[in-house]
C-alpha atoms as a PDB file:
ATOM      1  CA  MET A   1      21.042  -2.088  -0.976  1.00  0.00           C
ATOM      2  CA  ALA A   2      21.186   0.763   1.599  1.00  0.00           C
ATOM      3  CA  TYR A   3      18.156   3.316   1.766  1.00  0.00           C
ATOM      4  CA  GLU A   4      17.812   6.287   4.118  1.00  0.00           C
ATOM      5  CA  ILE A   5      15.493   5.347   6.943  1.00  0.00           C
ATOM      6  CA  VAL A   6      13.061   7.999   8.034  1.00  0.00           C
ATOM      7  CA  LYS A   7      11.389   7.707  11.486  1.00  0.00           C
ATOM      8  CA  ARG A   8       7.727   8.500  11.647  1.00  0.00           C
ATOM      9  CA  PRO A   9       7.477  10.888   8.611  1.00  0.00           C
ATOM     10  CA  HIS A  10       3.759  11.288   8.802  1.00  0.00           C
ATOM     11  CA  VAL A  11       3.842  12.923  12.301  1.00  0.00           C
ATOM     12  CA  GLU A  12       5.525  16.311  11.294  1.00  0.00           C
ATOM     13  CA  ASN A  13       4.442  16.189   7.796  1.00  0.00           C
ATOM     14  CA  PHE A  14       0.775  15.908   8.368  1.00  0.00           C
ATOM     15  CA  VAL A  15       0.797  18.800  10.825  1.00  0.00           C
ATOM     16  CA  ARG A  16       2.717  21.134   8.339  1.00  0.00           C
ATOM     17  CA  TRP A  17       0.510  20.105   5.352  1.00  0.00           C
ATOM     18  CA  SER A  18      -2.778  20.773   7.309  1.00  0.00           C
ATOM     19  CA  LYS A  19      -1.733  23.940   8.991  1.00  0.00           C
ATOM     20  CA  PHE A  20      -3.491  26.300   6.685  1.00  0.00           C
ATOM     21  CA  LYS A  21      -6.261  23.842   5.718  1.00  0.00           C
ATOM     22  CA  PRO A  22      -8.826  24.604   8.492  1.00  0.00           C
ATOM     23  CA  GLU A  23     -11.303  22.195   6.698  1.00  0.00           C
ATOM     24  CA  VAL A  24      -9.056  19.292   7.510  1.00  0.00           C
ATOM     25  CA  VAL A  25     -10.143  17.370  10.664  1.00  0.00           C
ATOM     26  CA  VAL A  26      -8.758  14.141  12.099  1.00  0.00           C
ATOM     27  CA  LEU A  27     -10.914  11.227  13.570  1.00  0.00           C
ATOM     28  CA  SER A  28      -9.365   8.681  15.599  1.00  0.00           C
ATOM     29  CA  ALA A  29     -10.604   5.460  17.335  1.00  0.00           C
ATOM     30  CA  ASP A  30      -8.386   5.048  20.372  1.00  0.00           C
ATOM     31  CA  LEU A  31      -5.189   4.573  18.210  1.00  0.00           C
ATOM     32  CA  THR A  32      -4.033   8.186  18.071  1.00  0.00           C
ATOM     33  CA  SER A  33      -0.339   7.845  18.711  1.00  0.00           C
ATOM     34  CA  SER A  34      -0.218   4.415  17.155  1.00  0.00           C
ATOM     35  CA  CYS A  35      -1.366   6.241  13.920  1.00  0.00           C
ATOM     36  CA  GLU A  36       0.926   9.014  14.196  1.00  0.00           C
ATOM     37  CA  VAL A  37      -1.599  11.995  14.813  1.00  0.00           C
ATOM     38  CA  GLY A  38      -0.722  12.689  18.487  1.00  0.00           C
ATOM     39  CA  LYS A  39       1.059  15.829  17.521  1.00  0.00           C
ATOM     40  CA  PHE A  40      -1.930  16.789  15.343  1.00  0.00           C
ATOM     41  CA  ARG A  41      -4.230  16.436  18.211  1.00  0.00           C
ATOM     42  CA  ASP A  42      -2.000  18.615  20.392  1.00  0.00           C
ATOM     43  CA  THR A  43      -1.434  21.262  17.747  1.00  0.00           C
ATOM     44  CA  PHE A  44      -5.042  21.508  16.621  1.00  0.00           C
ATOM     45  CA  PRO A  45      -7.242  20.237  19.498  1.00  0.00           C
ATOM     46  CA  ASP A  46     -10.386  21.815  18.076  1.00  0.00           C
ATOM     47  CA  ARG A  47      -9.873  19.810  14.801  1.00  0.00           C
ATOM     48  CA  PHE A  48      -9.445  16.432  16.341  1.00  0.00           C
ATOM     49  CA  PHE A  49     -12.165  13.955  17.408  1.00  0.00           C
ATOM     50  CA  SER A  50     -11.760  10.698  19.355  1.00  0.00           C
ATOM     51  CA  PHE A  51     -14.337   7.977  19.153  1.00  0.00           C
ATOM     52  CA  GLY A  52     -12.865   5.470  21.485  1.00  0.00           C
ATOM     53  CA  LEU A  53     -13.667   1.890  20.289  1.00  0.00           C
ATOM     54  CA  GLY A  54     -16.462   3.182  18.051  1.00  0.00           C
ATOM     55  CA  GLU A  55     -15.383   2.855  14.517  1.00  0.00           C
ATOM     56  CA  GLN A  56     -18.980   2.576  13.188  1.00  0.00           C
ATOM     57  CA  ASN A  57     -19.847   5.771  14.679  1.00  0.00           C
ATOM     58  CA  MET A  58     -16.660   7.281  13.589  1.00  0.00           C
ATOM     59  CA  LEU A  59     -17.412   6.523   9.846  1.00  0.00           C
ATOM     60  CA  GLY A  60     -20.887   7.808  10.145  1.00  0.00           C
ATOM     61  CA  PHE A  61     -19.753  10.925  11.904  1.00  0.00           C
ATOM     62  CA  ALA A  62     -17.049  11.517   9.119  1.00  0.00           C
ATOM     63  CA  GLY A  63     -19.953  11.363   6.536  1.00  0.00           C
ATOM     64  CA  GLY A  64     -21.816  14.123   8.371  1.00  0.00           C
ATOM     65  CA  LEU A  65     -18.621  16.257   8.695  1.00  0.00           C
ATOM     66  CA  ALA A  66     -18.040  15.889   5.036  1.00  0.00           C
ATOM     67  CA  ARG A  67     -21.641  17.079   4.225  1.00  0.00           C
ATOM     68  CA  GLU A  68     -20.967  20.248   6.243  1.00  0.00           C
ATOM     69  CA  GLY A  69     -17.770  21.058   4.116  1.00  0.00           C
ATOM     70  CA  PHE A  70     -15.164  19.559   6.250  1.00  0.00           C
ATOM     71  CA  GLU A  71     -12.514  17.204   5.075  1.00  0.00           C
ATOM     72  CA  PRO A  72     -12.321  14.270   7.517  1.00  0.00           C
ATOM     73  CA  TRP A  73      -9.002  12.338   7.676  1.00  0.00           C
ATOM     74  CA  ILE A  74      -9.830   9.080   9.582  1.00  0.00           C
ATOM     75  CA  HIS A  75      -6.685   7.587  11.084  1.00  0.00           C
ATOM     76  CA  THR A  76      -6.796   4.013  12.494  1.00  0.00           C
ATOM     77  CA  PHE A  77      -5.572   0.508  11.693  1.00  0.00           C
ATOM     78  CA  ALA A  78      -6.755  -0.646   8.288  1.00  0.00           C
ATOM     79  CA  VAL A  79      -8.864  -3.526   9.589  1.00  0.00           C
ATOM     80  CA  PHE A  80     -10.831  -1.180  11.724  1.00  0.00           C
ATOM     81  CA  ILE A  81     -11.773   0.880   8.600  1.00  0.00           C
ATOM     82  CA  TYR A  82     -13.315  -1.764   6.381  1.00  0.00           C
ATOM     83  CA  ARG A  83     -14.270  -4.779   8.448  1.00  0.00           C
ATOM     84  CA  ARG A  84     -16.485  -3.775  11.350  1.00  0.00           C
ATOM     85  CA  PRO A  85     -17.894  -0.337  10.108  1.00  0.00           C
ATOM     86  CA  LEU A  86     -18.365  -1.572   6.404  1.00  0.00           C
ATOM     87  CA  ASP A  87     -22.003  -0.712   6.333  1.00  0.00           C
ATOM     88  CA  GLN A  88     -21.386   2.829   7.551  1.00  0.00           C
ATOM     89  CA  LEU A  89     -18.473   3.149   5.190  1.00  0.00           C
ATOM     90  CA  GLN A  90     -20.756   2.330   2.211  1.00  0.00           C
ATOM     91  CA  MET A  91     -23.769   4.013   3.150  1.00  0.00           C
ATOM     92  CA  SER A  92     -22.561   7.167   4.865  1.00  0.00           C
ATOM     93  CA  VAL A  93     -19.411   7.745   2.813  1.00  0.00           C
ATOM     94  CA  ALA A  94     -19.083   5.921  -0.450  1.00  0.00           C
ATOM     95  CA  TYR A  95     -22.830   5.954  -1.537  1.00  0.00           C
ATOM     96  CA  PRO A  96     -23.032   9.837  -1.169  1.00  0.00           C
ATOM     97  CA  ASN A  97     -19.523  10.064  -2.724  1.00  0.00           C
ATOM     98  CA  LEU A  98     -18.058  12.350   0.157  1.00  0.00           C
ATOM     99  CA  PRO A  99     -14.509  13.491   0.529  1.00  0.00           C
ATOM    100  CA  VAL A 100     -13.541  11.349   3.544  1.00  0.00           C
ATOM    101  CA  ARG A 101      -9.931  10.128   3.549  1.00  0.00           C
ATOM    102  CA  MET A 102      -9.475   6.838   5.370  1.00  0.00           C
ATOM    103  CA  VAL A 103      -5.876   6.383   6.444  1.00  0.00           C
ATOM    104  CA  GLY A 104      -5.385   2.541   7.075  1.00  0.00           C
ATOM    105  CA  PHE A 105      -2.187   1.572   8.947  1.00  0.00           C
ATOM    106  CA  LEU A 106      -0.668  -2.002   9.333  1.00  0.00           C
ATOM    107  CA  PRO A 107      -1.684  -3.047   5.801  1.00  0.00           C
ATOM    108  CA  GLY A 108      -1.091  -6.855   5.090  1.00  0.00           C
ATOM    109  CA  ILE A 109       1.749  -8.461   7.009  1.00  0.00           C
ATOM    110  CA  THR A 110       3.516  -5.264   8.216  1.00  0.00           C
ATOM    111  CA  THR A 111       2.272  -6.173  11.795  1.00  0.00           C
ATOM    112  CA  PRO A 112       3.132  -9.224  13.958  1.00  0.00           C
ATOM    113  CA  GLY A 113      -0.347  -8.794  15.417  1.00  0.00           C
ATOM    114  CA  GLY A 114      -1.946 -11.621  13.658  1.00  0.00           C
ATOM    115  CA  VAL A 115      -5.246 -12.025  11.774  1.00  0.00           C
ATOM    116  CA  THR A 116      -7.068  -9.457  14.070  1.00  0.00           C
ATOM    117  CA  HIS A 117      -4.778  -6.606  12.931  1.00  0.00           C
ATOM    118  CA  GLN A 118      -3.522  -7.805   9.440  1.00  0.00           C
ATOM    119  CA  ALA A 119      -5.568  -6.236   6.686  1.00  0.00           C
ATOM    120  CA  ILE A 120      -4.973  -8.859   4.011  1.00  0.00           C
ATOM    121  CA  ASP A 121      -8.215  -8.426   1.936  1.00  0.00           C
ATOM    122  CA  ASP A 122      -8.894  -4.668   2.156  1.00  0.00           C
ATOM    123  CA  VAL A 123      -8.075  -3.925  -1.404  1.00  0.00           C
ATOM    124  CA  ASN A 124     -10.267  -6.707  -2.508  1.00  0.00           C
ATOM    125  CA  VAL A 125     -13.094  -5.331  -0.389  1.00  0.00           C
ATOM    126  CA  MET A 126     -12.514  -1.613  -1.276  1.00  0.00           C
ATOM    127  CA  ARG A 127     -12.310  -2.307  -5.105  1.00  0.00           C
ATOM    128  CA  GLY A 128     -15.754  -3.474  -5.078  1.00  0.00           C
ATOM    129  CA  ILE A 129     -17.078  -0.344  -3.464  1.00  0.00           C
ATOM    130  CA  PRO A 130     -18.310   2.456  -6.154  1.00  0.00           C
ATOM    131  CA  ASN A 131     -16.739   5.856  -5.965  1.00  0.00           C
ATOM    132  CA  MET A 132     -13.742   4.429  -3.932  1.00  0.00           C
ATOM    133  CA  THR A 133     -10.212   5.484  -4.755  1.00  0.00           C
ATOM    134  CA  ILE A 134      -7.463   3.314  -3.371  1.00  0.00           C
ATOM    135  CA  LEU A 135      -3.968   4.552  -2.786  1.00  0.00           C
ATOM    136  CA  GLU A 136      -0.965   2.668  -1.324  1.00  0.00           C
ATOM    137  CA  THR A 137       2.415   3.991   0.011  1.00  0.00           C
ATOM    138  CA  GLY A 138       5.677   2.192  -0.722  1.00  0.00           C
ATOM    139  CA  ASP A 139       8.273   4.376   0.990  1.00  0.00           C
ATOM    140  CA  ALA A 140       8.819   7.553   2.956  1.00  0.00           C
ATOM    141  CA  THR A 141       8.546   9.952  -0.075  1.00  0.00           C
ATOM    142  CA  GLU A 142       5.083   8.470  -0.793  1.00  0.00           C
ATOM    143  CA  VAL A 143       4.009   8.741   2.786  1.00  0.00           C
ATOM    144  CA  GLU A 144       4.806  12.350   2.652  1.00  0.00           C
ATOM    145  CA  SER A 145       3.332  13.160  -0.800  1.00  0.00           C
ATOM    146  CA  ILE A 146       0.273  11.000  -0.730  1.00  0.00           C
ATOM    147  CA  LEU A 147      -1.579  13.771   1.291  1.00  0.00           C
ATOM    148  CA  GLU A 148      -1.800  16.202  -1.592  1.00  0.00           C
ATOM    149  CA  VAL A 149      -2.730  13.406  -3.959  1.00  0.00           C
ATOM    150  CA  ALA A 150      -5.692  12.280  -1.759  1.00  0.00           C
ATOM    151  CA  HIS A 151      -6.655  15.841  -0.935  1.00  0.00           C
ATOM    152  CA  LYS A 152      -7.217  16.526  -4.755  1.00  0.00           C
ATOM    153  CA  ILE A 153      -9.630  13.647  -5.229  1.00  0.00           C
ATOM    154  CA  ASP A 154     -13.307  14.345  -5.450  1.00  0.00           C
ATOM    155  CA  GLY A 155     -14.737  11.608  -3.292  1.00  0.00           C
ATOM    156  CA  PRO A 156     -13.633   8.964  -0.769  1.00  0.00           C
ATOM    157  CA  VAL A 157     -10.165   7.719  -0.621  1.00  0.00           C
ATOM    158  CA  TYR A 158      -8.698   4.743   1.124  1.00  0.00           C
ATOM    159  CA  ILE A 159      -4.889   4.753   1.869  1.00  0.00           C
ATOM    160  CA  ARG A 160      -2.690   1.880   2.866  1.00  0.00           C
ATOM    161  CA  MET A 161      -0.221   3.741   5.052  1.00  0.00           C
ATOM    162  CA  LEU A 162       3.176   2.846   6.329  1.00  0.00           C
ATOM    163  CA  ARG A 163       4.376   3.950   9.785  1.00  0.00           C
ATOM    164  CA  GLY A 164       7.295   3.776  12.133  1.00  0.00           C
ATOM    165  CA  GLU A 165      10.733   3.491  10.450  1.00  0.00           C
ATOM    166  CA  ILE A 166      10.268   3.703   6.675  1.00  0.00           C
ATOM    167  CA  SER A 167      12.806   3.318   3.790  1.00  0.00           C
ATOM    168  CA  ARG A 168      13.215   6.307   1.418  1.00  0.00           C
ATOM    169  CA  ILE A 169      13.396   4.350  -1.897  1.00  0.00           C
ATOM    170  CA  PHE A 170      12.335   7.211  -4.193  1.00  0.00           C
ATOM    171  CA  PRO A 171      13.935  10.740  -4.164  1.00  0.00           C
ATOM    172  CA  LYS A 172      12.158  13.215  -2.131  1.00  0.00           C
ATOM    173  CA  ASN A 173      11.333  15.464  -4.999  1.00  0.00           C
ATOM    174  CA  GLU A 174       9.803  12.556  -7.014  1.00  0.00           C
ATOM    175  CA  VAL A 175       6.523  12.648  -5.425  1.00  0.00           C
ATOM    176  CA  MET A 176       3.594  10.338  -5.919  1.00  0.00           C
ATOM    177  CA  GLU A 177       1.371  11.005  -9.028  1.00  0.00           C
ATOM    178  CA  PHE A 178      -2.232   9.999  -9.098  1.00  0.00           C
ATOM    179  CA  ASN A 179      -3.028   6.738 -11.277  1.00  0.00           C
ATOM    180  CA  LYS A 180       0.530   6.784 -12.690  1.00  0.00           C
ATOM    181  CA  ALA A 181       3.106   4.028 -12.091  1.00  0.00           C
ATOM    182  CA  ARG A 182       6.769   4.595 -11.318  1.00  0.00           C
ATOM    183  CA  VAL A 183       8.872   2.965 -14.005  1.00  0.00           C
ATOM    184  CA  LEU A 184      11.839   1.541 -11.970  1.00  0.00           C
ATOM    185  CA  SER A 185      13.438  -0.279 -14.865  1.00  0.00           C
ATOM    186  CA  THR A 186      12.850  -0.964 -18.478  1.00  0.00           C
ATOM    187  CA  GLY A 187      13.115  -4.288 -20.281  1.00  0.00           C
ATOM    188  CA  THR A 188      11.365  -6.765 -22.595  1.00  0.00           C
ATOM    189  CA  ASP A 189      11.607 -10.353 -21.032  1.00  0.00           C
ATOM    190  CA  VAL A 190       9.513 -10.032 -17.933  1.00  0.00           C
ATOM    191  CA  THR A 191       7.119  -7.323 -16.527  1.00  0.00           C
ATOM    192  CA  ILE A 192       7.051  -7.063 -12.841  1.00  0.00           C
ATOM    193  CA  LEU A 193       4.437  -4.820 -11.057  1.00  0.00           C
ATOM    194  CA  SER A 194       4.813  -4.450  -7.333  1.00  0.00           C
ATOM    195  CA  SER A 195       3.150  -2.299  -4.735  1.00  0.00           C
ATOM    196  CA  GLY A 196       3.561  -1.184  -1.058  1.00  0.00           C
ATOM    197  CA  ILE A 197       6.378  -3.013   0.848  1.00  0.00           C
ATOM    198  CA  SER A 198       6.629  -5.478  -1.941  1.00  0.00           C
ATOM    199  CA  THR A 199       8.549  -3.095  -3.989  1.00  0.00           C
ATOM    200  CA  GLU A 200      11.317  -2.947  -1.658  1.00  0.00           C
ATOM    201  CA  GLU A 201      11.463  -6.688  -1.701  1.00  0.00           C
ATOM    202  CA  ALA A 202      11.431  -6.799  -5.488  1.00  0.00           C
ATOM    203  CA  LEU A 203      14.282  -4.462  -5.496  1.00  0.00           C
ATOM    204  CA  ARG A 204      16.386  -7.181  -3.585  1.00  0.00           C
ATOM    205  CA  ALA A 205      16.024  -9.464  -6.574  1.00  0.00           C
ATOM    206  CA  ILE A 206      15.907  -7.518  -9.688  1.00  0.00           C
ATOM    207  CA  PRO A 207      19.675  -6.602  -9.767  1.00  0.00           C
ATOM    208  CA  ALA A 208      20.447 -10.148  -9.639  1.00  0.00           C
ATOM    209  CA  LEU A 209      17.995 -11.073 -12.339  1.00  0.00           C
ATOM    210  CA  LYS A 210      19.612  -8.362 -14.612  1.00  0.00           C
ATOM    211  CA  GLU A 211      23.065  -9.781 -13.773  1.00  0.00           C
ATOM    212  CA  HIS A 212      21.850 -13.143 -15.203  1.00  0.00           C
ATOM    213  CA  GLY A 213      20.663 -11.626 -18.484  1.00  0.00           C
ATOM    214  CA  VAL A 214      16.932 -11.175 -17.716  1.00  0.00           C
ATOM    215  CA  SER A 215      15.677  -7.987 -19.292  1.00  0.00           C
ATOM    216  CA  VAL A 216      13.203  -6.578 -16.687  1.00  0.00           C
ATOM    217  CA  GLN A 217      10.409  -4.040 -16.856  1.00  0.00           C
ATOM    218  CA  HIS A 218       9.567  -3.052 -13.375  1.00  0.00           C
ATOM    219  CA  LEU A 219       6.622  -0.805 -12.362  1.00  0.00           C
ATOM    220  CA  HIS A 220       5.664   0.504  -8.818  1.00  0.00           C
ATOM    221  CA  ILE A 221       1.952   0.844  -8.435  1.00  0.00           C
ATOM    222  CA  SER A 222       0.623   3.376  -5.925  1.00  0.00           C
ATOM    223  CA  THR A 223      -3.015   3.858  -7.296  1.00  0.00           C
ATOM    224  CA  LEU A 224      -4.857   0.522  -7.111  1.00  0.00           C
ATOM    225  CA  LYS A 225      -8.182   2.153  -8.113  1.00  0.00           C
ATOM    226  CA  PRO A 226      -8.648   3.466 -10.746  1.00  0.00           C
ATOM    227  CA  PHE A 227      -6.211   1.261 -12.543  1.00  0.00           C
ATOM    228  CA  THR A 228      -6.144   2.743 -15.962  1.00  0.00           C
ATOM    229  CA  ASP A 229      -2.502   3.993 -16.447  1.00  0.00           C
ATOM    230  CA  PRO A 230      -1.684   3.523 -20.140  1.00  0.00           C
ATOM    231  CA  GLN A 231       2.017   2.756 -19.516  1.00  0.00           C
ATOM    232  CA  VAL A 232       0.760  -0.210 -17.305  1.00  0.00           C
ATOM    233  CA  ILE A 233      -1.054  -1.589 -20.349  1.00  0.00           C
ATOM    234  CA  GLU A 234       1.956  -1.194 -22.484  1.00  0.00           C
ATOM    235  CA  SER A 235       4.192  -2.855 -20.173  1.00  0.00           C
ATOM    236  CA  LEU A 236       1.867  -5.967 -20.174  1.00  0.00           C
ATOM    237  CA  LYS A 237       1.911  -6.031 -23.922  1.00  0.00           C
ATOM    238  CA  SER A 238       5.685  -5.696 -24.279  1.00  0.00           C
ATOM    239  CA  SER A 239       6.603  -8.663 -22.049  1.00  0.00           C
ATOM    240  CA  LYS A 240       8.105 -11.523 -23.929  1.00  0.00           C
ATOM    241  CA  TYR A 241       7.516 -14.212 -21.253  1.00  0.00           C
ATOM    242  CA  GLY A 242       4.826 -12.905 -19.031  1.00  0.00           C
ATOM    243  CA  VAL A 243       3.952 -10.763 -16.086  1.00  0.00           C
ATOM    244  CA  ILE A 244       4.497 -11.121 -12.333  1.00  0.00           C
ATOM    245  CA  THR A 245       2.651  -9.066  -9.649  1.00  0.00           C
ATOM    246  CA  MET A 246       3.935  -8.844  -6.075  1.00  0.00           C
ATOM    247  CA  GLU A 247       1.754  -7.456  -3.289  1.00  0.00           C
ATOM    248  CA  ASN A 248       1.344  -7.280   0.479  1.00  0.00           C
ATOM    249  CA  HIS A 249      -2.205  -8.721   0.249  1.00  0.00           C
ATOM    250  CA  SER A 250      -4.054 -11.766  -0.785  1.00  0.00           C
ATOM    251  CA  VAL A 251      -3.700 -12.857  -4.430  1.00  0.00           C
ATOM    252  CA  ILE A 252      -7.391 -12.725  -4.579  1.00  0.00           C
ATOM    253  CA  GLY A 253      -8.822  -9.255  -5.556  1.00  0.00           C
ATOM    254  CA  GLY A 254      -5.759  -7.059  -5.126  1.00  0.00           C
ATOM    255  CA  LEU A 255      -3.106  -6.021  -7.575  1.00  0.00           C
ATOM    256  CA  GLY A 256      -2.831  -9.202  -9.206  1.00  0.00           C
ATOM    257  CA  SER A 257      -6.547  -9.389  -9.895  1.00  0.00           C
ATOM    258  CA  ALA A 258      -6.522  -5.854 -11.175  1.00  0.00           C
ATOM    259  CA  VAL A 259      -3.785  -6.841 -13.656  1.00  0.00           C
ATOM    260  CA  ALA A 260      -5.634  -9.867 -14.741  1.00  0.00           C
ATOM    261  CA  ASP A 261      -8.619  -7.748 -15.505  1.00  0.00           C
ATOM    262  CA  LEU A 262      -6.540  -5.619 -17.827  1.00  0.00           C
ATOM    263  CA  ILE A 263      -4.882  -8.627 -19.544  1.00  0.00           C
ATOM    264  CA  ALA A 264      -8.408  -9.976 -20.336  1.00  0.00           C
ATOM    265  CA  GLU A 265      -9.971  -6.700 -21.325  1.00  0.00           C
ATOM    266  CA  HIS A 266      -7.254  -5.723 -23.672  1.00  0.00           C
ATOM    267  CA  GLY A 267      -6.836  -9.173 -25.080  1.00  0.00           C
ATOM    268  CA  ILE A 268      -3.207  -9.507 -24.041  1.00  0.00           C
ATOM    269  CA  GLY A 269      -2.058 -13.127 -24.336  1.00  0.00           C
ATOM    270  CA  LYS A 270       0.443 -13.087 -21.481  1.00  0.00           C
ATOM    271  CA  LYS A 271       0.970 -15.540 -18.561  1.00  0.00           C
ATOM    272  CA  LEU A 272       0.427 -14.050 -15.143  1.00  0.00           C
ATOM    273  CA  ILE A 273       2.063 -15.177 -11.878  1.00  0.00           C
ATOM    274  CA  LYS A 274       0.612 -13.600  -8.649  1.00  0.00           C
ATOM    275  CA  ILE A 275       2.852 -13.277  -5.660  1.00  0.00           C
ATOM    276  CA  GLY A 276       1.044 -12.542  -2.411  1.00  0.00           C
ATOM    277  CA  LEU A 277      -0.854 -14.387   0.381  1.00  0.00           C
ATOM    278  CA  LYS A 278      -2.422 -17.627  -1.149  1.00  0.00           C
ATOM    279  CA  ASP A 279      -5.971 -17.587   0.152  1.00  0.00           C
ATOM    280  CA  THR A 280      -4.761 -17.955   3.796  1.00  0.00           C
ATOM    281  CA  TYR A 281      -4.541 -15.951   6.973  1.00  0.00           C
ATOM    282  CA  ALA A 282      -1.064 -15.117   8.206  1.00  0.00           C
ATOM    283  CA  HIS A 283       0.552 -15.920  11.492  1.00  0.00           C
ATOM    284  CA  GLY A 284       1.645 -13.192  13.897  1.00  0.00           C
ATOM    285  CA  ALA A 285       5.340 -13.017  13.436  1.00  0.00           C
ATOM    286  CA  SER A 286       8.127 -10.520  11.915  1.00  0.00           C
ATOM    287  CA  GLN A 287       7.808  -9.177   8.590  1.00  0.00           C
ATOM    288  CA  LYS A 288      10.855 -11.031   7.383  1.00  0.00           C
ATOM    289  CA  TYR A 289       9.658 -14.308   8.690  1.00  0.00           C
ATOM    290  CA  LEU A 290       6.083 -13.842   7.195  1.00  0.00           C
ATOM    291  CA  LEU A 291       7.402 -12.883   3.641  1.00  0.00           C
ATOM    292  CA  HIS A 292       9.473 -16.055   3.718  1.00  0.00           C
ATOM    293  CA  LYS A 293       6.910 -18.393   5.051  1.00  0.00           C
ATOM    294  CA  TYR A 294       4.197 -17.251   2.671  1.00  0.00           C
ATOM    295  CA  GLY A 295       6.102 -16.997  -0.546  1.00  0.00           C
ATOM    296  CA  MET A 296       6.166 -13.342  -0.812  1.00  0.00           C
ATOM    297  CA  SER A 297      10.026 -12.655  -0.697  1.00  0.00           C
ATOM    298  CA  ALA A 298      12.824 -11.689  -3.315  1.00  0.00           C
ATOM    299  CA  ARG A 299      13.673 -15.517  -3.546  1.00  0.00           C
ATOM    300  CA  ASN A 300       9.953 -16.135  -4.707  1.00  0.00           C
ATOM    301  CA  LEU A 301      10.207 -13.531  -7.370  1.00  0.00           C
ATOM    302  CA  ILE A 302      13.335 -15.292  -8.767  1.00  0.00           C
ATOM    303  CA  GLU A 303      11.309 -18.591  -8.736  1.00  0.00           C
ATOM    304  CA  ALA A 304       8.418 -17.069 -10.462  1.00  0.00           C
ATOM    305  CA  THR A 305      10.731 -15.442 -13.194  1.00  0.00           C
ATOM    306  CA  GLU A 306      12.236 -18.899 -13.756  1.00  0.00           C
ATOM    307  CA  LYS A 307       8.960 -20.464 -14.061  1.00  0.00           C
ATOM    308  CA  LEU A 308       7.852 -17.821 -16.655  1.00  0.00           C
ATOM    309  CA  MET A 309      11.021 -18.308 -18.656  1.00  0.00           C
ATOM    310  CA  ASP A 310      11.247 -22.085 -18.062  1.00  0.00           C
ATOM    311  CA  LYS A 311      14.936 -21.601 -17.197  1.00  0.00           C
ATOM    312  CA  ASN A 312      17.082 -22.232 -14.058  1.00  0.00           C
ATOM    313  CA  LEU A 313      18.839 -18.867 -13.605  1.00  0.00           C
ATOM    314  CA  GLN A 314      21.222 -20.265 -10.703  1.00  0.00           C
ATOM    315  CA  ILE A 315      20.815 -17.182  -8.584  1.00  0.00           C
ATOM    316  CA  SER A 316      22.215 -17.898  -5.086  1.00  0.00           C
ATOM    317  CA  GLU A 317      21.010 -16.479  -1.857  1.00  0.00           C
ATOM    318  CA  GLU A 318      24.266 -14.274  -1.466  1.00  0.00           C
ATOM    319  CA  GLU A 319      23.345 -12.646  -4.903  1.00  0.00           C
ATOM    320  CA  LEU A 320      20.256 -11.002  -3.335  1.00  0.00           C
ATOM    321  CA  SER A 321      20.428  -7.574  -1.691  1.00  0.00           C
ATOM    322  CA  GLN A 322      20.388  -7.715   2.128  1.00  0.00           C
ATOM    323  CA  THR A 323      16.968  -7.750   3.843  1.00  0.00           C
ATOM    324  CA  ARG A 324      16.299  -4.758   5.899  1.00  0.00           C
ATOM    325  CA  VAL A 325      15.088  -6.213   9.295  1.00  0.00           C
ATOM    326  CA  ILE A 326      12.174  -4.426  10.813  1.00  0.00           C
ATOM    327  CA  ASP A 327      12.366  -4.079  14.504  1.00  0.00           C
ATOM    328  CA  VAL A 328       9.096  -5.145  16.080  1.00  0.00           C
ATOM    329  CA  HIS A 329       9.844  -3.264  19.207  1.00  0.00           C
ATOM    330  CA  SER A 330      11.197   0.013  17.424  1.00  0.00           C
ATOM    331  CA  THR A 331      11.081   3.316  19.355  1.00  0.00           C
ATOM    332  CA  ALA A 332       9.401   4.800  16.311  1.00  0.00           C
ATOM    333  CA  LYS A 333       6.263   2.827  17.110  1.00  0.00           C
ATOM    334  CA  ALA A 334       3.880   3.481  19.980  1.00  0.00           C
ATOM    335  CA  GLU A 335       3.575  -0.294  20.373  1.00  0.00           C
ATOM    336  CA  ALA A 336       4.930  -3.649  18.931  1.00  0.00           C
ATOM    337  CA  LEU A 337       1.939  -4.341  16.753  1.00  0.00           C
END
């Protein structure tokens, strides 16, 4: 399965998008080039603020800017948005319901930087914060179109952002829509809901499942909170054998937990298997290795489907689409993290 690979789509796109929006300002914490806003800094120096290693101050300052009519866009690694400055995030941004956009890079296991850089519980933490909207990008088209989605939301927004070399899975004109899943295939045996980089991994397995007679309903999720899309609820109800969620996150508190809530709230009597990190920290290693080691790969989706259907589908490794290997030392990234 070959996709167009787009290098650093956020760099030029963000400059173009914000050109005639003087209220849009960028806040960085010593990770400007790493978070792809170096060109924004050079193009609009009076709309760029660097806080060094001062994320707590950055979150508080963002709240102040938002109160004065600006639209702050924080750019840093995801772990530095919700871990160290959580108090400022809650009290200075979320509690007053201010339009601060927090762009978090390196979600989950997209970095070999180990536990200090891997945001594996960010959705869990952010889902518990009142007024917070959570969005996640799954390809280059969503990286480009998420800006307008976040811009229109009244209140704080947290974005799980991709960077570097990114696959274009969805056509460029099929932009992200708020609180609306992308229906990638329809079927009645098994419902699969995936988000972020897990969608590309799921798409390695689903053609093989179909070849072996499994009718698959596959939805890509880009809005994790709110999580009220009616077509998601209908897809859960229509599944004959059950539901599988696949996410680049802990199985506690993320997409799988949001789906479990829906199943319980709507009285949907379906089995649920959650693919993700199983209550553990991850090592520092390549994305391909980590997906395999922690049971988050296309092969694990096949196994989960077999478990739901109580059937050995006898799908060989050769039948799965080829993995796209992510180069740790890519020239499209400022560093190897």
